[in-house]
Amino acid sequence: MVGHHIMKHDQIIRAKRGAALMEFVMCLPVLLVITLGTLETCRMIYLRQSLKLAAYECARLAIVPGVDSQMVQDQCDVFLLGRGIRGYTFTCTPADPRDAIYGELVTTNVSMKAESNAIVGAWFYRGKTLSESVSIMAEY
């Protein structure tokens, strides 16, 4: 009788382990999607903030007397490539900041396709473009 009781106890333990394994297997895809979605969302927030900072730094540089468009482009490249961001485009209005007259707005714009910098892949942000711009008044 004692052997029969031990056998039943072992079967119960195996059944509980099997049930726990099945629950884990069923929940794992949901947990992975939530985790990857969170990572991807955080990455997009980081990218958007990086674009805004790059646009701001470039606009600040563009209003400095004597700074040309290549210097502003170089500033953007250094800033964004230093953050591991690729596939972006940069524009400055006016095209040559030296052409800005006193009181005119100098606008810098940085944009990129979200999928070119995604962690997981492009399925969350397929076809989306992130873009940030900053305008600063020329004071010289």
N, C-alpha and C. Protein backbone atom coordinates (compact mmCIF):
# COMPACT_ATOMS: atom_id res chain seq x y z
N MET A 1 0.82 -1.19 0.00
CA MET A 1 0.00 0.00 0.00
C MET A 1 0.86 1.26 0.00
N VAL A 2 1.98 1.19 0.73
CA VAL A 2 2.86 2.35 0.79
C VAL A 2 3.45 2.63 -0.60
N GLY A 3 3.87 1.62 -1.34
CA GLY A 3 4.40 1.79 -2.69
C GLY A 3 3.39 2.42 -3.61
N HIS A 4 2.15 2.04 -3.50
CA HIS A 4 1.08 2.59 -4.32
C HIS A 4 0.91 4.08 -4.03
N HIS A 5 1.02 4.47 -2.76
CA HIS A 5 0.89 5.87 -2.37
C HIS A 5 2.05 6.70 -2.93
N ILE A 6 3.26 6.20 -2.90
CA ILE A 6 4.43 6.91 -3.42
C ILE A 6 4.30 7.09 -4.93
N MET A 7 3.84 6.07 -5.60
CA MET A 7 3.67 6.13 -7.04
C MET A 7 2.66 7.22 -7.40
N LYS A 8 1.59 7.30 -6.68
CA LYS A 8 0.57 8.30 -6.94
C LYS A 8 1.14 9.71 -6.70
N HIS A 9 1.94 9.87 -5.66
CA HIS A 9 2.54 11.16 -5.35
C HIS A 9 3.49 11.59 -6.46
N ASP A 10 4.30 10.68 -6.99
CA ASP A 10 5.21 10.99 -8.11
C ASP A 10 4.42 11.41 -9.35
N GLN A 11 3.33 10.75 -9.60
CA GLN A 11 2.50 11.10 -10.75
C GLN A 11 1.90 12.50 -10.60
N ILE A 12 1.53 12.83 -9.40
CA ILE A 12 0.97 14.16 -9.15
C ILE A 12 2.03 15.23 -9.38
N ILE A 13 3.23 14.98 -8.89
CA ILE A 13 4.33 15.94 -9.07
C ILE A 13 4.64 16.12 -10.56
N ARG A 14 4.71 15.00 -11.30
CA ARG A 14 4.97 15.09 -12.75
C ARG A 14 3.83 15.82 -13.46
N ALA A 15 2.62 15.58 -13.06
CA ALA A 15 1.48 16.25 -13.68
C ALA A 15 1.53 17.76 -13.42
N LYS A 16 1.91 18.16 -12.20
CA LYS A 16 2.02 19.58 -11.87
C LYS A 16 3.15 20.23 -12.67
N ARG A 17 4.27 19.53 -12.80
CA ARG A 17 5.39 20.05 -13.59
C ARG A 17 4.98 20.20 -15.06
N GLY A 18 4.27 19.22 -15.55
CA GLY A 18 3.80 19.27 -16.94
C GLY A 18 2.83 20.42 -17.16
N ALA A 19 1.95 20.64 -16.19
CA ALA A 19 1.00 21.75 -16.30
C ALA A 19 1.73 23.08 -16.26
N ALA A 20 2.72 23.19 -15.38
CA ALA A 20 3.50 24.43 -15.29
C ALA A 20 4.26 24.69 -16.58
N LEU A 21 4.82 23.64 -17.17
CA LEU A 21 5.54 23.78 -18.43
C LEU A 21 4.59 24.22 -19.55
N MET A 22 3.43 23.66 -19.60
CA MET A 22 2.45 24.05 -20.62
C MET A 22 2.02 25.51 -20.44
N GLU A 23 1.80 25.93 -19.21
CA GLU A 23 1.44 27.33 -18.96
C GLU A 23 2.56 28.26 -19.42
N PHE A 24 3.78 27.88 -19.14
CA PHE A 24 4.93 28.69 -19.56
C PHE A 24 5.01 28.77 -21.08
N VAL A 25 4.85 27.64 -21.74
CA VAL A 25 4.91 27.61 -23.20
C VAL A 25 3.78 28.43 -23.81
N MET A 26 2.63 28.42 -23.20
CA MET A 26 1.49 29.19 -23.72
C MET A 26 1.69 30.70 -23.50
N CYS A 27 2.30 31.07 -22.39
CA CYS A 27 2.48 32.49 -22.05
C CYS A 27 3.73 33.11 -22.66
N LEU A 28 4.71 32.30 -23.02
CA LEU A 28 5.98 32.81 -23.54
C LEU A 28 5.82 33.73 -24.75
N PRO A 29 5.05 33.38 -25.77
CA PRO A 29 4.91 34.30 -26.91
C PRO A 29 4.32 35.65 -26.52
N VAL A 30 3.36 35.66 -25.62
CA VAL A 30 2.77 36.92 -25.18
C VAL A 30 3.81 37.76 -24.44
N LEU A 31 4.57 37.13 -23.56
CA LEU A 31 5.62 37.84 -22.83
C LEU A 31 6.67 38.39 -23.79
N LEU A 32 7.03 37.62 -24.79
CA LEU A 32 8.03 38.08 -25.77
C LEU A 32 7.51 39.27 -26.57
N VAL A 33 6.28 39.23 -26.99
CA VAL A 33 5.70 40.35 -27.75
C VAL A 33 5.65 41.61 -26.89
N ILE A 34 5.26 41.46 -25.65
CA ILE A 34 5.21 42.62 -24.74
C ILE A 34 6.62 43.17 -24.53
N THR A 35 7.59 42.30 -24.29
CA THR A 35 8.96 42.74 -24.07
C THR A 35 9.54 43.42 -25.30
N LEU A 36 9.38 42.80 -26.46
CA LEU A 36 9.92 43.40 -27.69
C LEU A 36 9.19 44.69 -28.04
N GLY A 37 7.91 44.75 -27.81
CA GLY A 37 7.16 45.98 -28.05
C GLY A 37 7.63 47.11 -27.15
N THR A 38 7.91 46.79 -25.90
CA THR A 38 8.42 47.80 -24.96
C THR A 38 9.79 48.29 -25.40
N LEU A 39 10.68 47.36 -25.78
CA LEU A 39 12.01 47.74 -26.25
C LEU A 39 11.92 48.63 -27.48
N GLU A 40 11.06 48.27 -28.41
CA GLU A 40 10.92 49.03 -29.64
C GLU A 40 10.36 50.42 -29.37
N THR A 41 9.39 50.52 -28.49
CA THR A 41 8.83 51.82 -28.14
C THR A 41 9.87 52.71 -27.47
N CYS A 42 10.63 52.15 -26.56
CA CYS A 42 11.71 52.91 -25.92
C CYS A 42 12.74 53.37 -26.93
N ARG A 43 13.06 52.52 -27.89
CA ARG A 43 14.01 52.89 -28.94
C ARG A 43 13.48 54.06 -29.76
N MET A 44 12.20 54.04 -30.10
CA MET A 44 11.62 55.13 -30.90
C MET A 44 11.60 56.44 -30.11
N ILE A 45 11.36 56.36 -28.82
CA ILE A 45 11.42 57.57 -27.98
C ILE A 45 12.84 58.12 -27.98
N TYR A 46 13.82 57.23 -27.84
CA TYR A 46 15.23 57.62 -27.87
C TYR A 46 15.58 58.26 -29.22
N LEU A 47 15.13 57.66 -30.31
CA LEU A 47 15.42 58.19 -31.64
C LEU A 47 14.79 59.56 -31.83
N ARG A 48 13.54 59.71 -31.44
CA ARG A 48 12.86 61.00 -31.59
C ARG A 48 13.58 62.08 -30.78
N GLN A 49 13.96 61.76 -29.56
CA GLN A 49 14.68 62.73 -28.73
C GLN A 49 16.04 63.06 -29.33
N SER A 50 16.71 62.07 -29.88
CA SER A 50 18.01 62.31 -30.52
C SER A 50 17.87 63.22 -31.73
N LEU A 51 16.82 63.02 -32.53
CA LEU A 51 16.58 63.89 -33.67
C LEU A 51 16.32 65.33 -33.22
N LYS A 52 15.55 65.49 -32.15
CA LYS A 52 15.25 66.83 -31.64
C LYS A 52 16.52 67.51 -31.15
N LEU A 53 17.35 66.78 -30.43
CA LEU A 53 18.61 67.36 -29.94
C LEU A 53 19.54 67.71 -31.09
N ALA A 54 19.61 66.85 -32.10
CA ALA A 54 20.45 67.13 -33.26
C ALA A 54 19.96 68.38 -33.99
N ALA A 55 18.66 68.49 -34.19
CA ALA A 55 18.11 69.67 -34.86
C ALA A 55 18.40 70.93 -34.05
N TYR A 56 18.29 70.84 -32.74
CA TYR A 56 18.57 72.00 -31.88
C TYR A 56 20.04 72.41 -31.95
N GLU A 57 20.93 71.43 -31.80
CA GLU A 57 22.36 71.74 -31.84
C GLU A 57 22.76 72.32 -33.19
N CYS A 58 22.19 71.80 -34.26
CA CYS A 58 22.51 72.31 -35.59
C CYS A 58 21.96 73.71 -35.80
N ALA A 59 20.77 73.99 -35.29
CA ALA A 59 20.19 75.33 -35.41
C ALA A 59 21.02 76.34 -34.62
N ARG A 60 21.47 75.94 -33.45
CA ARG A 60 22.33 76.83 -32.65
C ARG A 60 23.61 77.15 -33.39
N LEU A 61 24.18 76.14 -34.03
CA LEU A 61 25.42 76.36 -34.78
C LEU A 61 25.15 77.20 -36.02
N ALA A 62 24.01 77.01 -36.66
CA ALA A 62 23.71 77.69 -37.92
C ALA A 62 23.58 79.21 -37.76
N ILE A 63 23.25 79.69 -36.57
CA ILE A 63 23.11 81.14 -36.39
C ILE A 63 24.41 81.81 -35.99
N VAL A 64 25.47 81.05 -35.85
CA VAL A 64 26.78 81.62 -35.53
C VAL A 64 27.34 82.25 -36.81
N PRO A 65 27.80 83.50 -36.74
CA PRO A 65 28.34 84.15 -37.93
C PRO A 65 29.49 83.35 -38.56
N GLY A 66 29.46 83.23 -39.88
CA GLY A 66 30.54 82.57 -40.61
C GLY A 66 30.39 81.07 -40.76
N VAL A 67 29.41 80.48 -40.15
CA VAL A 67 29.20 79.02 -40.24
C VAL A 67 28.47 78.73 -41.55
N ASP A 68 29.02 77.77 -42.32
CA ASP A 68 28.38 77.42 -43.58
C ASP A 68 27.59 76.12 -43.45
N SER A 69 26.91 75.76 -44.53
CA SER A 69 26.02 74.59 -44.51
C SER A 69 26.78 73.28 -44.27
N GLN A 70 28.01 73.19 -44.76
CA GLN A 70 28.79 71.96 -44.55
C GLN A 70 29.14 71.78 -43.08
N MET A 71 29.43 72.86 -42.39
CA MET A 71 29.74 72.78 -40.96
C MET A 71 28.52 72.30 -40.17
N VAL A 72 27.35 72.79 -40.56
CA VAL A 72 26.12 72.38 -39.87
C VAL A 72 25.83 70.91 -40.16
N GLN A 73 26.01 70.48 -41.41
CA GLN A 73 25.82 69.07 -41.77
C GLN A 73 26.79 68.19 -41.00
N ASP A 74 28.04 68.63 -40.88
CA ASP A 74 29.05 67.86 -40.12
C ASP A 74 28.64 67.72 -38.66
N GLN A 75 28.08 68.81 -38.08
CA GLN A 75 27.62 68.75 -36.69
C GLN A 75 26.53 67.70 -36.54
N CYS A 76 25.60 67.67 -37.49
CA CYS A 76 24.52 66.69 -37.46
C CYS A 76 25.08 65.27 -37.57
N ASP A 77 26.02 65.08 -38.49
CA ASP A 77 26.62 63.77 -38.68
C ASP A 77 27.32 63.28 -37.41
N VAL A 78 28.11 64.15 -36.81
CA VAL A 78 28.84 63.78 -35.60
C VAL A 78 27.87 63.41 -34.49
N PHE A 79 26.84 64.22 -34.34
CA PHE A 79 25.88 63.98 -33.25
C PHE A 79 25.11 62.67 -33.44
N LEU A 80 24.54 62.48 -34.63
CA LEU A 80 23.70 61.30 -34.83
C LEU A 80 24.50 60.02 -35.02
N LEU A 81 25.60 60.08 -35.72
CA LEU A 81 26.42 58.87 -35.88
C LEU A 81 27.03 58.45 -34.54
N GLY A 82 27.31 59.43 -33.69
CA GLY A 82 27.80 59.13 -32.34
C GLY A 82 26.77 58.39 -31.51
N ARG A 83 25.50 58.54 -31.84
CA ARG A 83 24.42 57.84 -31.15
C ARG A 83 24.00 56.57 -31.88
N GLY A 84 24.70 56.23 -32.94
CA GLY A 84 24.40 55.00 -33.67
C GLY A 84 23.17 55.11 -34.55
N ILE A 85 22.82 56.32 -34.95
CA ILE A 85 21.63 56.52 -35.78
C ILE A 85 22.07 56.67 -37.23
N ARG A 86 21.40 55.94 -38.11
CA ARG A 86 21.77 55.96 -39.52
C ARG A 86 20.53 56.14 -40.38
N GLY A 87 20.75 56.50 -41.63
CA GLY A 87 19.65 56.62 -42.57
C GLY A 87 18.83 57.88 -42.37
N TYR A 88 19.42 58.95 -41.89
CA TYR A 88 18.70 60.20 -41.64
C TYR A 88 18.97 61.19 -42.77
N THR A 89 18.11 62.19 -42.85
CA THR A 89 18.34 63.30 -43.77
C THR A 89 18.30 64.59 -42.97
N PHE A 90 19.11 65.53 -43.39
CA PHE A 90 19.22 66.82 -42.71
C PHE A 90 19.00 67.93 -43.71
N THR A 91 18.19 68.92 -43.34
CA THR A 91 18.01 70.11 -44.17
C THR A 91 18.08 71.35 -43.30
N CYS A 92 18.53 72.41 -43.92
CA CYS A 92 18.63 73.70 -43.24
C CYS A 92 17.99 74.74 -44.15
N THR A 93 17.19 75.62 -43.55
CA THR A 93 16.56 76.70 -44.30
C THR A 93 16.91 78.01 -43.61
N PRO A 94 17.58 78.93 -44.27
CA PRO A 94 18.06 78.88 -45.65
C PRO A 94 19.14 77.82 -45.83
N ALA A 95 19.31 77.37 -47.08
CA ALA A 95 20.26 76.28 -47.37
C ALA A 95 21.67 76.62 -46.90
N ASP A 96 22.08 77.86 -47.06
CA ASP A 96 23.37 78.32 -46.53
C ASP A 96 23.07 79.29 -45.39
N PRO A 97 23.38 78.91 -44.16
CA PRO A 97 23.05 79.76 -43.02
C PRO A 97 23.68 81.15 -43.09
N ARG A 98 24.74 81.30 -43.87
CA ARG A 98 25.37 82.63 -44.01
C ARG A 98 24.44 83.62 -44.72
N ASP A 99 23.42 83.08 -45.42
CA ASP A 99 22.47 83.94 -46.13
C ASP A 99 21.36 84.48 -45.22
N ALA A 100 21.29 84.00 -44.00
CA ALA A 100 20.23 84.45 -43.08
C ALA A 100 20.50 85.89 -42.67
N ILE A 101 19.45 86.69 -42.68
CA ILE A 101 19.59 88.09 -42.27
C ILE A 101 19.03 88.24 -40.87
N TYR A 102 19.37 89.33 -40.23
CA TYR A 102 18.94 89.59 -38.86
C TYR A 102 17.42 89.47 -38.74
N GLY A 103 16.96 88.71 -37.78
CA GLY A 103 15.54 88.54 -37.52
C GLY A 103 14.89 87.40 -38.30
N GLU A 104 15.60 86.82 -39.24
CA GLU A 104 15.06 85.70 -40.03
C GLU A 104 15.21 84.40 -39.24
N LEU A 105 14.24 83.51 -39.40
CA LEU A 105 14.33 82.21 -38.74
C LEU A 105 15.22 81.27 -39.53
N VAL A 106 16.13 80.64 -38.83
CA VAL A 106 16.93 79.57 -39.40
C VAL A 106 16.34 78.27 -38.88
N THR A 107 15.91 77.41 -39.79
CA THR A 107 15.23 76.18 -39.41
C THR A 107 16.07 74.98 -39.84
N THR A 108 16.28 74.09 -38.91
CA THR A 108 16.95 72.83 -39.23
C THR A 108 15.95 71.69 -39.04
N ASN A 109 16.01 70.73 -39.92
CA ASN A 109 15.10 69.58 -39.87
C ASN A 109 15.90 68.31 -40.03
N VAL A 110 15.65 67.36 -39.15
CA VAL A 110 16.28 66.04 -39.22
C VAL A 110 15.16 65.01 -39.27
N SER A 111 15.22 64.12 -40.25
CA SER A 111 14.19 63.08 -40.35
C SER A 111 14.83 61.76 -40.74
N MET A 112 14.11 60.70 -40.47
CA MET A 112 14.59 59.35 -40.81
C MET A 112 13.42 58.39 -40.84
N LYS A 113 13.61 57.31 -41.56
CA LYS A 113 12.63 56.24 -41.57
C LYS A 113 12.81 55.44 -40.28
N ALA A 114 11.73 55.23 -39.56
CA ALA A 114 11.80 54.54 -38.27
C ALA A 114 12.34 53.12 -38.42
N GLU A 115 11.98 52.45 -39.49
CA GLU A 115 12.39 51.06 -39.64
C GLU A 115 13.89 50.89 -39.87
N SER A 116 14.58 51.95 -40.31
CA SER A 116 16.03 51.84 -40.55
C SER A 116 16.82 51.80 -39.25
N ASN A 117 16.21 52.15 -38.14
CA ASN A 117 16.89 52.14 -36.84
C ASN A 117 16.15 51.32 -35.79
N ALA A 118 15.25 50.46 -36.23
CA ALA A 118 14.48 49.64 -35.30
C ALA A 118 15.36 48.52 -34.73
N ILE A 119 15.02 48.09 -33.53
CA ILE A 119 15.74 46.99 -32.89
C ILE A 119 15.23 45.65 -33.38
N VAL A 120 13.94 45.47 -33.30
CA VAL A 120 13.32 44.19 -33.58
C VAL A 120 13.13 43.96 -35.07
N GLY A 121 12.85 44.99 -35.76
CA GLY A 121 12.52 44.90 -37.17
C GLY A 121 11.50 45.97 -37.49
N ALA A 122 11.09 45.98 -38.68
CA ALA A 122 10.24 47.08 -39.13
C ALA A 122 8.76 46.83 -38.92
N TRP A 123 8.35 45.74 -38.33
CA TRP A 123 6.93 45.42 -38.28
C TRP A 123 6.13 46.33 -37.36
N PHE A 124 6.75 46.97 -36.35
CA PHE A 124 6.01 47.90 -35.50
C PHE A 124 5.84 49.26 -36.16
N TYR A 125 6.89 49.73 -36.82
CA TYR A 125 6.90 51.09 -37.35
C TYR A 125 7.11 51.12 -38.86
N ARG A 126 6.61 50.14 -39.55
CA ARG A 126 6.77 50.05 -40.99
C ARG A 126 6.16 51.28 -41.68
N GLY A 127 6.99 51.92 -42.50
CA GLY A 127 6.52 53.07 -43.27
C GLY A 127 6.44 54.38 -42.51
N LYS A 128 6.80 54.39 -41.24
CA LYS A 128 6.72 55.62 -40.44
C LYS A 128 8.03 56.41 -40.58
N THR A 129 7.88 57.73 -40.58
CA THR A 129 9.04 58.62 -40.62
C THR A 129 9.02 59.48 -39.37
N LEU A 130 10.16 59.52 -38.70
CA LEU A 130 10.33 60.40 -37.55
C LEU A 130 10.98 61.68 -38.05
N SER A 131 10.49 62.82 -37.61
CA SER A 131 11.03 64.09 -38.07
C SER A 131 10.94 65.11 -36.95
N GLU A 132 12.00 65.86 -36.79
CA GLU A 132 12.02 66.93 -35.80
C GLU A 132 12.68 68.16 -36.43
N SER A 133 12.17 69.32 -36.08
CA SER A 133 12.77 70.56 -36.59
C SER A 133 12.83 71.59 -35.47
N VAL A 134 13.78 72.52 -35.63
CA VAL A 134 13.96 73.60 -34.67
C VAL A 134 14.21 74.87 -35.47
N SER A 135 13.59 75.96 -35.04
CA SER A 135 13.81 77.26 -35.67
C SER A 135 14.35 78.22 -34.64
N ILE A 136 15.43 78.93 -35.01
CA ILE A 136 16.04 79.93 -34.15
C ILE A 136 16.23 81.20 -34.98
N MET A 137 15.96 82.33 -34.38
CA MET A 137 16.09 83.60 -35.08
C MET A 137 17.56 83.99 -35.20
N ALA A 138 17.94 84.40 -36.40
CA ALA A 138 19.31 84.89 -36.62
C ALA A 138 19.45 86.23 -35.89
N GLU A 139 20.52 86.37 -35.16
CA GLU A 139 20.71 87.57 -34.33
C GLU A 139 21.92 88.39 -34.74
N TYR A 140 22.40 88.21 -35.92
CA TYR A 140 23.56 88.98 -36.36
C TYR A 140 23.29 89.70 -37.63
